[in-house]
Amino acid sequence: IRKQKRINEVKTDFINNITHEMKTPITIASAGLDALEHLVPATERTNFYLHTSRRQLQLLNAFVERIVDAAVQDISEFTLKKEKIDLHLLFEELVRSHSIVPGKPVSFQLAGDGPVFIEGDRLHLETAFHNIIDNAIKYSKASVEINIDIIDNDRDCILKIRDNGMGIPPQYIKSIFEKFFRVPQGDAQSIKGFGLGLYYVNIIIKKHSGSISVHSKWQSGTEFTITLPKKL
C-alpha cells in the first residue's frame, strides 16, 4: 500500500511539474502576440497569422488544463465535455492552421455540403483530427496532398481523410491503434513520436460512440474512415 501511495504521489508530482513547464511558454507566447498586435501594422495577412497563432495557443492552453484529468486516470476513463459542433467549420479551421506550418508544401481538398452538426468534445475531437493530419504530413513524400470528405446521411456523419503518403504495410494495419505501437519504416523512424497518436484517436472516436477504420497500401497513401453520430 505504501509503495502504491508513493507511486501515485510521484505520478501526481510529475503531472503538476510538466503542466507548469508547459504553461510558462504558453503565457510568454501569448504576451508576445499581444505585443505584436500593438506594434505591427494591421493588414489582412498579419491579422490572419495572429488569429491563427492565438487560436492554437488557446487550444494548447485548454489541452494543458485538461492533461491532469486525462493523465491522472487512464485515458479511456476521462469525461467528455460535449457541445454542438459544425464539422465543416472545425475542419476549415484545421486546414487554415496547417496552411502556415513551415516545411513541406501541403494542399488540402475539403469536400461535402455543410453544415453538419454533431455533439462532441471540441478540444479532443480537434486534437484527434489534428493527429491524423499531422501523421499524413510527417509520413509523406516531398509534396503532400490531403483530401477530406464530409459525408452526411440521416443518422451519421462519415469522414474520409486520405493522403498520398508512404502508406502502411498490410502486416501492421491491425496494430496501428495499439498503445505505443509505431510502424517500422526504416528511415522514417527518424520521425519523432511515442506511438500514442492513433491510440488516442481511436479512444476519442469510440468515446463519441463512433468508429474508425483504415485502408492503406504501402507507398500508395492511407485513408481513414470515421463515423460519428449526428446531433439530431
C-alpha atoms as a PDB file:
ATOM      1  CA  ILE A   1       0.000   0.000   0.000  1.00  0.00           C
ATOM      2  CA  ARG A   2       2.848   2.392   0.879  1.00  0.00           C
ATOM      3  CA  LYS A   3       4.583   1.601  -2.414  1.00  0.00           C
ATOM      4  CA  GLN A   4       1.389   2.257  -4.397  1.00  0.00           C
ATOM      5  CA  LYS A   5       0.824   5.500  -2.498  1.00  0.00           C
ATOM      6  CA  ARG A   6       4.358   6.644  -3.312  1.00  0.00           C
ATOM      7  CA  ILE A   7       3.897   5.794  -6.990  1.00  0.00           C
ATOM      8  CA  ASN A   8       0.715   7.883  -7.086  1.00  0.00           C
ATOM      9  CA  GLU A   9       2.491  10.785  -5.384  1.00  0.00           C
ATOM     10  CA  VAL A  10       5.347  10.666  -7.903  1.00  0.00           C
ATOM     11  CA  LYS A  11       2.847  10.484 -10.746  1.00  0.00           C
ATOM     12  CA  THR A  12       0.929  13.491  -9.441  1.00  0.00           C
ATOM     13  CA  ASP A  13       4.146  15.500  -8.945  1.00  0.00           C
ATOM     14  CA  PHE A  14       5.241  14.682 -12.486  1.00  0.00           C
ATOM     15  CA  ILE A  15       1.918  15.800 -13.959  1.00  0.00           C
ATOM     16  CA  ASN A  16       1.932  19.025 -11.945  1.00  0.00           C
ATOM     17  CA  ASN A  17       5.514  19.820 -12.951  1.00  0.00           C
ATOM     18  CA  ILE A  18       5.037  19.090 -16.645  1.00  0.00           C
ATOM     19  CA  THR A  19       1.845  21.152 -16.852  1.00  0.00           C
ATOM     20  CA  HIS A  20       3.605  24.025 -15.092  1.00  0.00           C
ATOM     21  CA  GLU A  21       6.518  23.836 -17.527  1.00  0.00           C
ATOM     22  CA  MET A  22       4.105  23.876 -20.466  1.00  0.00           C
ATOM     23  CA  LYS A  23       2.056  26.771 -19.121  1.00  0.00           C
ATOM     24  CA  THR A  24       5.065  29.077 -18.860  1.00  0.00           C
ATOM     25  CA  PRO A  25       5.952  29.204 -22.600  1.00  0.00           C
ATOM     26  CA  ILE A  26       2.252  29.473 -23.477  1.00  0.00           C
ATOM     27  CA  THR A  27       1.937  32.541 -21.252  1.00  0.00           C
ATOM     28  CA  ILE A  28       5.075  34.107 -22.731  1.00  0.00           C
ATOM     29  CA  ALA A  29       3.990  33.398 -26.320  1.00  0.00           C
ATOM     30  CA  SER A  30       0.545  34.875 -25.625  1.00  0.00           C
ATOM     31  CA  ALA A  31       2.156  38.021 -24.244  1.00  0.00           C
ATOM     32  CA  GLY A  32       4.323  38.238 -27.373  1.00  0.00           C
ATOM     33  CA  LEU A  33       1.233  38.054 -29.582  1.00  0.00           C
ATOM     34  CA  ASP A  34      -0.409  40.810 -27.564  1.00  0.00           C
ATOM     35  CA  ALA A  35       2.649  42.996 -28.142  1.00  0.00           C
ATOM     36  CA  LEU A  36       2.698  42.231 -31.871  1.00  0.00           C
ATOM     37  CA  GLU A  37      -0.944  43.259 -32.219  1.00  0.00           C
ATOM     38  CA  HIS A  38       0.002  46.725 -30.944  1.00  0.00           C
ATOM     39  CA  LEU A  39       3.351  47.085 -32.733  1.00  0.00           C
ATOM     40  CA  VAL A  40       2.796  45.562 -36.172  1.00  0.00           C
ATOM     41  CA  PRO A  41       0.658  47.474 -38.712  1.00  0.00           C
ATOM     42  CA  ALA A  42      -2.620  45.635 -39.200  1.00  0.00           C
ATOM     43  CA  THR A  43      -3.085  44.015 -42.593  1.00  0.00           C
ATOM     44  CA  GLU A  44      -5.272  41.133 -43.703  1.00  0.00           C
ATOM     45  CA  ARG A  45      -2.216  38.851 -43.733  1.00  0.00           C
ATOM     46  CA  THR A  46      -0.869  39.835 -40.309  1.00  0.00           C
ATOM     47  CA  ASN A  47      -4.342  39.529 -38.819  1.00  0.00           C
ATOM     48  CA  PHE A  48      -4.591  36.021 -40.276  1.00  0.00           C
ATOM     49  CA  TYR A  49      -1.277  34.911 -38.768  1.00  0.00           C
ATOM     50  CA  LEU A  50      -2.022  36.500 -35.404  1.00  0.00           C
ATOM     51  CA  HIS A  51      -5.506  34.984 -35.263  1.00  0.00           C
ATOM     52  CA  THR A  52      -4.216  31.523 -36.202  1.00  0.00           C
ATOM     53  CA  SER A  53      -1.385  31.687 -33.662  1.00  0.00           C
ATOM     54  CA  ARG A  54      -3.682  32.874 -30.909  1.00  0.00           C
ATOM     55  CA  ARG A  55      -6.199  30.145 -31.726  1.00  0.00           C
ATOM     56  CA  GLN A  56      -3.523  27.442 -31.487  1.00  0.00           C
ATOM     57  CA  LEU A  57      -2.241  28.827 -28.177  1.00  0.00           C
ATOM     58  CA  GLN A  58      -5.796  28.800 -26.817  1.00  0.00           C
ATOM     59  CA  LEU A  59      -6.180  25.161 -27.857  1.00  0.00           C
ATOM     60  CA  LEU A  60      -2.826  24.244 -26.343  1.00  0.00           C
ATOM     61  CA  ASN A  61      -3.661  26.038 -23.114  1.00  0.00           C
ATOM     62  CA  ALA A  62      -7.027  24.294 -22.877  1.00  0.00           C
ATOM     63  CA  PHE A  63      -5.369  20.959 -23.567  1.00  0.00           C
ATOM     64  CA  VAL A  64      -2.761  21.527 -20.837  1.00  0.00           C
ATOM     65  CA  GLU A  65      -5.541  22.412 -18.411  1.00  0.00           C
ATOM     66  CA  ARG A  66      -7.114  19.036 -19.074  1.00  0.00           C
ATOM     67  CA  ILE A  67      -3.943  16.936 -19.142  1.00  0.00           C
ATOM     68  CA  VAL A  68      -4.324  16.375 -15.412  1.00  0.00           C
ATOM     69  CA  ASP A  69      -7.824  14.952 -15.875  1.00  0.00           C
ATOM     70  CA  ALA A  70      -6.679  12.617 -18.641  1.00  0.00           C
ATOM     71  CA  ALA A  71      -3.336  11.606 -17.140  1.00  0.00           C
ATOM     72  CA  VAL A  72      -4.277  11.055 -13.509  1.00  0.00           C
ATOM     73  CA  GLN A  73      -6.618   8.322 -14.655  1.00  0.00           C
ATOM     74  CA  ASP A  74      -6.422   6.049 -17.673  1.00  0.00           C
ATOM     75  CA  ILE A  75      -7.029   7.923 -20.939  1.00  0.00           C
ATOM     76  CA  SER A  76     -10.116   5.819 -21.623  1.00  0.00           C
ATOM     77  CA  GLU A  77     -11.827   6.898 -18.385  1.00  0.00           C
ATOM     78  CA  PHE A  78     -11.953  10.697 -18.580  1.00  0.00           C
ATOM     79  CA  THR A  79     -15.211  12.611 -19.098  1.00  0.00           C
ATOM     80  CA  LEU A  80     -16.033  14.408 -22.325  1.00  0.00           C
ATOM     81  CA  LYS A  81     -17.324  17.982 -22.308  1.00  0.00           C
ATOM     82  CA  LYS A  82     -19.797  17.917 -25.181  1.00  0.00           C
ATOM     83  CA  GLU A  83     -21.179  20.791 -27.220  1.00  0.00           C
ATOM     84  CA  LYS A  84     -22.776  21.316 -30.631  1.00  0.00           C
ATOM     85  CA  ILE A  85     -20.066  21.262 -33.319  1.00  0.00           C
ATOM     86  CA  ASP A  86     -20.195  22.011 -37.040  1.00  0.00           C
ATOM     87  CA  LEU A  87     -17.629  19.629 -38.540  1.00  0.00           C
ATOM     88  CA  HIS A  88     -17.224  21.789 -41.634  1.00  0.00           C
ATOM     89  CA  LEU A  89     -16.190  24.809 -39.593  1.00  0.00           C
ATOM     90  CA  LEU A  90     -13.912  22.653 -37.454  1.00  0.00           C
ATOM     91  CA  PHE A  91     -12.056  21.255 -40.476  1.00  0.00           C
ATOM     92  CA  GLU A  92     -11.867  24.670 -42.144  1.00  0.00           C
ATOM     93  CA  GLU A  93     -10.070  25.908 -39.028  1.00  0.00           C
ATOM     94  CA  LEU A  94      -7.741  22.892 -39.067  1.00  0.00           C
ATOM     95  CA  VAL A  95      -6.887  23.451 -42.735  1.00  0.00           C
ATOM     96  CA  ARG A  96      -6.149  27.145 -42.107  1.00  0.00           C
ATOM     97  CA  SER A  97      -3.933  26.275 -39.140  1.00  0.00           C
ATOM     98  CA  HIS A  98      -1.854  23.748 -41.089  1.00  0.00           C
ATOM     99  CA  SER A  99      -1.505  26.120 -44.038  1.00  0.00           C
ATOM    100  CA  ILE A 100       1.008  28.279 -42.142  1.00  0.00           C
ATOM    101  CA  VAL A 101       3.143  25.438 -40.776  1.00  0.00           C
ATOM    102  CA  PRO A 102       6.614  25.639 -42.396  1.00  0.00           C
ATOM    103  CA  GLY A 103       8.093  22.645 -44.172  1.00  0.00           C
ATOM    104  CA  LYS A 104       6.641  20.521 -46.934  1.00  0.00           C
ATOM    105  CA  PRO A 105       4.092  22.026 -49.328  1.00  0.00           C
ATOM    106  CA  VAL A 106       0.656  20.744 -48.344  1.00  0.00           C
ATOM    107  CA  SER A 107      -2.518  21.012 -50.408  1.00  0.00           C
ATOM    108  CA  PHE A 108      -5.948  20.342 -48.898  1.00  0.00           C
ATOM    109  CA  GLN A 109      -9.213  19.476 -50.593  1.00  0.00           C
ATOM    110  CA  LEU A 110     -12.250  19.776 -48.321  1.00  0.00           C
ATOM    111  CA  ALA A 111     -15.436  18.338 -49.851  1.00  0.00           C
ATOM    112  CA  GLY A 112     -19.036  17.985 -48.710  1.00  0.00           C
ATOM    113  CA  ASP A 113     -22.025  20.228 -48.112  1.00  0.00           C
ATOM    114  CA  GLY A 114     -22.357  21.898 -44.756  1.00  0.00           C
ATOM    115  CA  PRO A 115     -23.186  22.468 -42.077  1.00  0.00           C
ATOM    116  CA  VAL A 116     -23.071  19.020 -40.451  1.00  0.00           C
ATOM    117  CA  PHE A 117     -23.630  19.078 -36.704  1.00  0.00           C
ATOM    118  CA  ILE A 118     -22.543  16.544 -34.119  1.00  0.00           C
ATOM    119  CA  GLU A 119     -22.429  16.667 -30.342  1.00  0.00           C
ATOM    120  CA  GLY A 120     -18.912  16.179 -29.083  1.00  0.00           C
ATOM    121  CA  ASP A 121     -15.916  17.396 -27.159  1.00  0.00           C
ATOM    122  CA  ARG A 122     -14.399  20.041 -29.425  1.00  0.00           C
ATOM    123  CA  LEU A 123     -10.946  20.008 -27.884  1.00  0.00           C
ATOM    124  CA  HIS A 124     -10.483  16.249 -28.019  1.00  0.00           C
ATOM    125  CA  LEU A 125     -12.014  15.844 -31.477  1.00  0.00           C
ATOM    126  CA  GLU A 126      -9.933  18.662 -32.912  1.00  0.00           C
ATOM    127  CA  THR A 127      -6.798  17.163 -31.353  1.00  0.00           C
ATOM    128  CA  ALA A 128      -7.674  13.711 -32.750  1.00  0.00           C
ATOM    129  CA  PHE A 129      -8.213  15.069 -36.283  1.00  0.00           C
ATOM    130  CA  HIS A 130      -5.019  17.100 -35.965  1.00  0.00           C
ATOM    131  CA  ASN A 131      -3.118  13.897 -35.133  1.00  0.00           C
ATOM    132  CA  ILE A 132      -4.340  12.215 -38.326  1.00  0.00           C
ATOM    133  CA  ILE A 133      -3.447  15.233 -40.473  1.00  0.00           C
ATOM    134  CA  ASP A 134      -0.090  15.643 -38.748  1.00  0.00           C
ATOM    135  CA  ASN A 135       0.750  11.985 -39.428  1.00  0.00           C
ATOM    136  CA  ALA A 136      -0.218  12.425 -43.084  1.00  0.00           C
ATOM    137  CA  ILE A 137       2.242  15.302 -43.355  1.00  0.00           C
ATOM    138  CA  LYS A 138       5.076  13.673 -41.411  1.00  0.00           C
ATOM    139  CA  TYR A 139       4.882  10.301 -43.164  1.00  0.00           C
ATOM    140  CA  SER A 140       4.695  11.686 -46.682  1.00  0.00           C
ATOM    141  CA  LYS A 141       6.825  12.472 -49.669  1.00  0.00           C
ATOM    142  CA  ALA A 142       8.094  15.906 -50.659  1.00  0.00           C
ATOM    143  CA  SER A 143       4.647  17.199 -51.620  1.00  0.00           C
ATOM    144  CA  VAL A 144       1.568  16.351 -49.544  1.00  0.00           C
ATOM    145  CA  GLU A 145      -1.999  16.018 -50.776  1.00  0.00           C
ATOM    146  CA  ILE A 146      -4.758  15.569 -48.188  1.00  0.00           C
ATOM    147  CA  ASN A 147      -8.395  15.059 -49.157  1.00  0.00           C
ATOM    148  CA  ILE A 148     -11.109  15.436 -46.529  1.00  0.00           C
ATOM    149  CA  ASP A 149     -14.641  14.328 -47.408  1.00  0.00           C
ATOM    150  CA  ILE A 150     -17.533  15.027 -45.045  1.00  0.00           C
ATOM    151  CA  ILE A 151     -20.491  12.818 -45.960  1.00  0.00           C
ATOM    152  CA  ASP A 152     -23.862  13.464 -44.351  1.00  0.00           C
ATOM    153  CA  ASN A 153     -26.639  10.891 -44.052  1.00  0.00           C
ATOM    154  CA  ASP A 154     -29.764  10.593 -41.937  1.00  0.00           C
ATOM    155  CA  ARG A 155     -28.152   9.273 -38.768  1.00  0.00           C
ATOM    156  CA  ASP A 156     -24.375   9.584 -39.080  1.00  0.00           C
ATOM    157  CA  CYS A 157     -21.577  11.755 -40.359  1.00  0.00           C
ATOM    158  CA  ILE A 158     -18.849   9.919 -42.267  1.00  0.00           C
ATOM    159  CA  LEU A 159     -15.380  11.481 -42.528  1.00  0.00           C
ATOM    160  CA  LYS A 160     -12.806  10.253 -45.022  1.00  0.00           C
ATOM    161  CA  ILE A 161      -9.269  11.599 -44.663  1.00  0.00           C
ATOM    162  CA  ARG A 162      -6.932  10.486 -47.484  1.00  0.00           C
ATOM    163  CA  ASP A 163      -3.279  11.243 -48.130  1.00  0.00           C
ATOM    164  CA  ASN A 164      -0.618  10.383 -50.706  1.00  0.00           C
ATOM    165  CA  GLY A 165       1.991   9.400 -48.131  1.00  0.00           C
ATOM    166  CA  MET A 166       4.124   6.341 -47.503  1.00  0.00           C
ATOM    167  CA  GLY A 167       1.215   4.118 -46.564  1.00  0.00           C
ATOM    168  CA  ILE A 168       1.181   1.273 -44.047  1.00  0.00           C
ATOM    169  CA  PRO A 169       2.398  -2.266 -44.799  1.00  0.00           C
ATOM    170  CA  PRO A 170      -0.532  -4.733 -44.551  1.00  0.00           C
ATOM    171  CA  GLN A 171       1.013  -6.737 -41.692  1.00  0.00           C
ATOM    172  CA  TYR A 172       0.891  -3.673 -39.425  1.00  0.00           C
ATOM    173  CA  ILE A 173      -2.626  -2.397 -40.198  1.00  0.00           C
ATOM    174  CA  LYS A 174      -4.275  -4.234 -37.293  1.00  0.00           C
ATOM    175  CA  SER A 175      -1.732  -2.839 -34.795  1.00  0.00           C
ATOM    176  CA  ILE A 176      -1.710   0.891 -35.568  1.00  0.00           C
ATOM    177  CA  PHE A 177      -4.294   1.764 -32.884  1.00  0.00           C
ATOM    178  CA  GLU A 178      -2.377  -0.053 -30.142  1.00  0.00           C
ATOM    179  CA  LYS A 179      -0.707   1.946 -27.395  1.00  0.00           C
ATOM    180  CA  PHE A 180       2.980   2.764 -28.114  1.00  0.00           C
ATOM    181  CA  PHE A 181       2.937   0.967 -31.488  1.00  0.00           C
ATOM    182  CA  ARG A 182       4.935   2.551 -34.323  1.00  0.00           C
ATOM    183  CA  VAL A 183       5.223   1.118 -37.816  1.00  0.00           C
ATOM    184  CA  PRO A 184       8.826   0.117 -38.593  1.00  0.00           C
ATOM    185  CA  GLN A 185       9.714   2.179 -41.667  1.00  0.00           C
ATOM    186  CA  GLY A 186      13.488   2.355 -41.875  1.00  0.00           C
ATOM    187  CA  ASP A 187      14.499   5.978 -42.387  1.00  0.00           C
ATOM    188  CA  ALA A 188      11.057   7.140 -41.265  1.00  0.00           C
ATOM    189  CA  GLN A 189      11.938   6.063 -37.724  1.00  0.00           C
ATOM    190  CA  SER A 190      13.907   9.312 -37.501  1.00  0.00           C
ATOM    191  CA  ILE A 191      10.486  10.984 -37.240  1.00  0.00           C
ATOM    192  CA  LYS A 192       9.854  11.618 -33.566  1.00  0.00           C
ATOM    193  CA  GLY A 193       6.857  10.104 -31.837  1.00  0.00           C
ATOM    194  CA  PHE A 194       5.718   7.894 -28.984  1.00  0.00           C
ATOM    195  CA  GLY A 195       3.137   5.679 -30.677  1.00  0.00           C
ATOM    196  CA  LEU A 196       0.289   7.362 -28.796  1.00  0.00           C
ATOM    197  CA  GLY A 197      -1.330   9.476 -31.530  1.00  0.00           C
ATOM    198  CA  LEU A 198      -3.561   6.884 -33.200  1.00  0.00           C
ATOM    199  CA  TYR A 199      -4.210   5.143 -29.881  1.00  0.00           C
ATOM    200  CA  TYR A 200      -5.590   8.473 -28.644  1.00  0.00           C
ATOM    201  CA  VAL A 201      -7.590   8.988 -31.853  1.00  0.00           C
ATOM    202  CA  ASN A 202      -9.218   5.562 -31.502  1.00  0.00           C
ATOM    203  CA  ILE A 203     -10.137   6.174 -27.849  1.00  0.00           C
ATOM    204  CA  ILE A 204     -11.681   9.582 -28.623  1.00  0.00           C
ATOM    205  CA  ILE A 205     -13.759   8.325 -31.550  1.00  0.00           C
ATOM    206  CA  LYS A 206     -15.069   5.367 -29.530  1.00  0.00           C
ATOM    207  CA  LYS A 207     -15.948   7.645 -26.594  1.00  0.00           C
ATOM    208  CA  HIS A 208     -18.100   9.616 -29.060  1.00  0.00           C
ATOM    209  CA  SER A 209     -19.968   6.382 -29.942  1.00  0.00           C
ATOM    210  CA  GLY A 210     -18.221   6.376 -33.305  1.00  0.00           C
ATOM    211  CA  SER A 211     -15.983   4.029 -35.256  1.00  0.00           C
ATOM    212  CA  ILE A 212     -12.722   4.348 -37.160  1.00  0.00           C
ATOM    213  CA  SER A 213     -11.136   2.142 -39.799  1.00  0.00           C
ATOM    214  CA  VAL A 214      -8.126   2.443 -42.087  1.00  0.00           C
ATOM    215  CA  HIS A 215      -7.337   1.360 -45.625  1.00  0.00           C
ATOM    216  CA  SER A 216      -3.749   1.699 -46.778  1.00  0.00           C
ATOM    217  CA  LYS A 217      -1.248   0.433 -49.316  1.00  0.00           C
ATOM    218  CA  TRP A 218       2.490   0.641 -48.847  1.00  0.00           C
ATOM    219  CA  GLN A 219       3.861   3.621 -50.809  1.00  0.00           C
ATOM    220  CA  SER A 220       0.347   4.469 -52.049  1.00  0.00           C
ATOM    221  CA  GLY A 221      -1.222   6.511 -49.265  1.00  0.00           C
ATOM    222  CA  THR A 222      -3.675   5.959 -46.445  1.00  0.00           C
ATOM    223  CA  GLU A 223      -7.377   6.624 -45.901  1.00  0.00           C
ATOM    224  CA  PHE A 224      -9.058   6.856 -42.505  1.00  0.00           C
ATOM    225  CA  THR A 225     -12.825   6.468 -42.367  1.00  0.00           C
ATOM    226  CA  ILE A 226     -14.510   7.839 -39.243  1.00  0.00           C
ATOM    227  CA  THR A 227     -18.224   7.535 -38.471  1.00  0.00           C
ATOM    228  CA  LEU A 228     -19.793   9.782 -35.832  1.00  0.00           C
ATOM    229  CA  PRO A 229     -23.471  10.061 -34.814  1.00  0.00           C
ATOM    230  CA  LYS A 230     -25.115  13.299 -35.894  1.00  0.00           C
ATOM    231  CA  LYS A 231     -26.762  15.712 -33.497  1.00  0.00           C
ATOM    232  CA  LEU A 232     -30.466  15.330 -34.299  1.00  0.00           C
END
